[in-house]
Amino acid sequence: MPTQDPQAFINALPFARALAMRVEALGNGRAEISMPWDPRFVGDPATGVIHGGAVSALMDTCGGAAVLSYPGASTTATIDLRIDYMRAATPGQRITARAECYHVTRNVAFVRATAHDEDAANPVATASGAFTFDRQGGAA
């Protein structure tokens, strides 16, 4: 992933652009990406709560970005992603996901992530996943 412009990762993904994701921090197997509250992403019009699919997309994208920021990684794909929703995100608040590679093998990175709104003490969701990746130059 080009570290000169981390936002280029988001700009290259049409769905991430559509969700207005923004790279907040990136490097060494860690990523932080946020997404604004938007009425187009609401899953329950009665409450204004963001749809779980939008939160899922944010967490998957953040996990993939963390893998791509791992030294030597060049491409990635999600193998498995488990998301546990803890509570509804507060309507009107930006959601921020943070992910980190906690174990990396030759071609698989294991990632943990959390998503928060402005109440950082109480997660909206947590995730754990496995991502396959290739190394730059095809080295194993």
Protein backbone atom coordinates (compact mmCIF):
# COMPACT_ATOMS: atom_id res chain seq x y z
CA MET A 1 0.00 0.00 0.00
CA PRO A 2 1.41 3.39 -0.88
CA THR A 3 2.26 5.01 2.43
CA GLN A 4 2.68 8.41 0.74
CA ASP A 5 -1.13 8.68 0.44
CA PRO A 6 -3.00 6.23 2.67
CA GLN A 7 -6.33 7.69 1.52
CA ALA A 8 -5.53 6.32 -1.97
CA PHE A 9 -6.51 2.88 -0.62
CA ILE A 10 -10.04 4.13 0.13
CA ASN A 11 -10.26 6.10 -3.10
CA ALA A 12 -9.50 2.91 -5.07
CA LEU A 13 -12.50 1.08 -3.52
CA PRO A 14 -15.84 2.37 -4.89
CA PHE A 15 -17.88 1.08 -1.93
CA ALA A 16 -15.47 2.64 0.57
CA ARG A 17 -15.74 5.95 -1.27
CA ALA A 18 -19.55 5.60 -1.28
CA LEU A 19 -19.45 5.14 2.51
CA ALA A 20 -17.18 8.21 2.77
CA MET A 21 -14.51 6.27 4.69
CA ARG A 22 -11.46 8.21 5.78
CA VAL A 23 -8.05 6.82 6.76
CA GLU A 24 -7.12 8.26 10.16
CA ALA A 25 -3.90 6.27 10.81
CA LEU A 26 -2.04 3.51 9.02
CA GLY A 27 1.22 1.60 9.40
CA ASN A 28 3.05 -1.47 10.69
CA GLY A 29 0.05 -3.78 10.63
CA ARG A 30 -2.36 -1.28 12.19
CA ALA A 31 -5.11 0.84 10.70
CA GLU A 32 -7.73 3.31 11.84
CA ILE A 33 -10.53 4.21 9.43
CA SER A 34 -13.67 6.22 10.12
CA MET A 35 -17.04 6.67 8.47
CA PRO A 36 -19.55 9.47 9.05
CA TRP A 37 -23.16 8.98 10.06
CA ASP A 38 -25.22 9.52 6.93
CA PRO A 39 -28.98 9.12 6.46
CA ARG A 40 -28.25 6.99 3.36
CA PHE A 41 -26.60 4.36 5.61
CA VAL A 42 -29.47 4.10 8.11
CA GLY A 43 -30.87 0.62 8.65
CA ASP A 44 -33.78 1.62 10.90
CA PRO A 45 -35.53 4.86 9.86
CA ALA A 46 -37.45 4.96 13.17
CA THR A 47 -34.24 5.25 15.22
CA GLY A 48 -31.67 6.59 12.70
CA VAL A 49 -29.25 3.78 13.55
CA ILE A 50 -26.62 2.90 10.94
CA HIS A 51 -27.15 -0.45 9.19
CA GLY A 52 -24.94 -3.28 10.47
CA GLY A 53 -23.74 -3.92 6.92
CA ALA A 54 -22.13 -0.48 6.79
CA VAL A 55 -20.35 -1.17 10.09
CA SER A 56 -19.29 -4.57 8.75
CA ALA A 57 -17.88 -2.99 5.59
CA LEU A 58 -15.95 -0.47 7.70
CA MET A 59 -14.43 -3.19 9.86
CA ASP A 60 -13.54 -5.42 6.90
CA THR A 61 -11.92 -2.50 5.08
CA CYS A 62 -9.99 -1.50 8.19
CA GLY A 63 -8.78 -5.09 8.68
CA GLY A 64 -7.62 -5.27 5.07
CA ALA A 65 -5.83 -1.93 5.39
CA ALA A 66 -4.04 -3.16 8.51
CA VAL A 67 -2.82 -6.21 6.58
CA LEU A 68 -1.69 -4.11 3.62
CA SER A 69 0.25 -1.86 5.98
CA TYR A 70 2.14 -4.87 7.38
CA PRO A 71 5.75 -4.68 6.14
CA GLY A 72 6.12 -6.54 2.85
CA ALA A 73 2.41 -7.13 2.15
CA SER A 74 1.22 -6.23 -1.36
CA THR A 75 -2.32 -7.64 -1.79
CA THR A 76 -4.94 -9.07 0.52
CA ALA A 77 -8.32 -10.79 0.60
CA THR A 78 -10.60 -11.64 3.50
CA ILE A 79 -10.71 -15.36 4.32
CA ASP A 80 -12.92 -15.13 7.38
CA LEU A 81 -14.40 -12.32 9.41
CA ARG A 82 -16.49 -12.64 12.55
CA ILE A 83 -18.23 -9.53 13.83
CA ASP A 84 -19.97 -9.23 17.19
CA TYR A 85 -22.33 -6.27 17.45
CA MET A 86 -22.36 -4.92 21.01
CA ARG A 87 -24.80 -2.04 20.66
CA ALA A 88 -26.31 0.34 18.13
CA ALA A 89 -24.10 3.22 17.08
CA THR A 90 -25.42 6.58 18.22
CA PRO A 91 -27.23 8.33 15.34
CA GLY A 92 -25.35 11.37 14.07
CA GLN A 93 -21.94 10.23 15.32
CA ARG A 94 -18.89 9.21 13.26
CA ILE A 95 -17.88 5.55 13.63
CA THR A 96 -14.18 4.73 13.86
CA ALA A 97 -12.70 1.26 13.39
CA ARG A 98 -9.25 0.27 14.62
CA ALA A 99 -7.59 -2.95 13.48
CA GLU A 100 -4.27 -4.63 14.09
CA CYS A 101 -2.50 -7.74 12.86
CA TYR A 102 -1.81 -9.75 16.00
CA HIS A 103 -0.30 -12.81 14.31
CA VAL A 104 1.16 -13.18 10.82
CA THR A 105 2.22 -16.37 9.09
CA ARG A 106 3.76 -16.76 5.65
CA ASN A 107 0.54 -15.88 3.81
CA VAL A 108 -2.17 -15.33 6.43
CA ALA A 109 -2.62 -12.40 8.79
CA PHE A 110 -4.89 -12.66 11.83
CA VAL A 111 -6.57 -9.40 12.72
CA ARG A 112 -8.57 -8.01 15.65
CA ALA A 113 -10.69 -4.89 15.33
CA THR A 114 -13.08 -2.69 17.25
CA ALA A 115 -15.53 -0.02 16.12
CA HIS A 116 -16.62 2.91 18.30
CA ASP A 117 -18.73 5.98 17.92
CA GLU A 118 -17.91 9.01 20.10
CA ASP A 119 -18.35 6.82 23.20
CA ALA A 120 -14.92 5.20 22.91
CA ALA A 121 -15.35 3.28 26.17
CA ASN A 122 -18.21 1.15 24.79
CA PRO A 123 -17.59 -0.55 21.45
CA VAL A 124 -20.27 -0.69 18.80
CA ALA A 125 -18.73 -3.91 17.48
CA THR A 126 -15.66 -6.12 17.70
CA ALA A 127 -14.23 -8.36 15.00
CA SER A 128 -11.64 -11.02 14.43
CA GLY A 129 -10.60 -12.25 11.05
CA ALA A 130 -8.10 -13.97 8.85
CA PHE A 131 -6.80 -12.36 5.68
CA THR A 132 -4.67 -14.00 3.00
CA PHE A 133 -1.94 -11.80 1.58
CA ASP A 134 0.88 -11.81 -0.93
CA ARG A 135 4.27 -10.37 -0.26
CA GLN A 136 5.90 -7.75 -2.46
CA GLY A 137 7.94 -9.36 -5.20
CA GLY A 138 6.18 -12.69 -4.62
CA ALA A 139 8.61 -13.71 -1.84
CA ALA A 140 7.26 -16.34 0.53
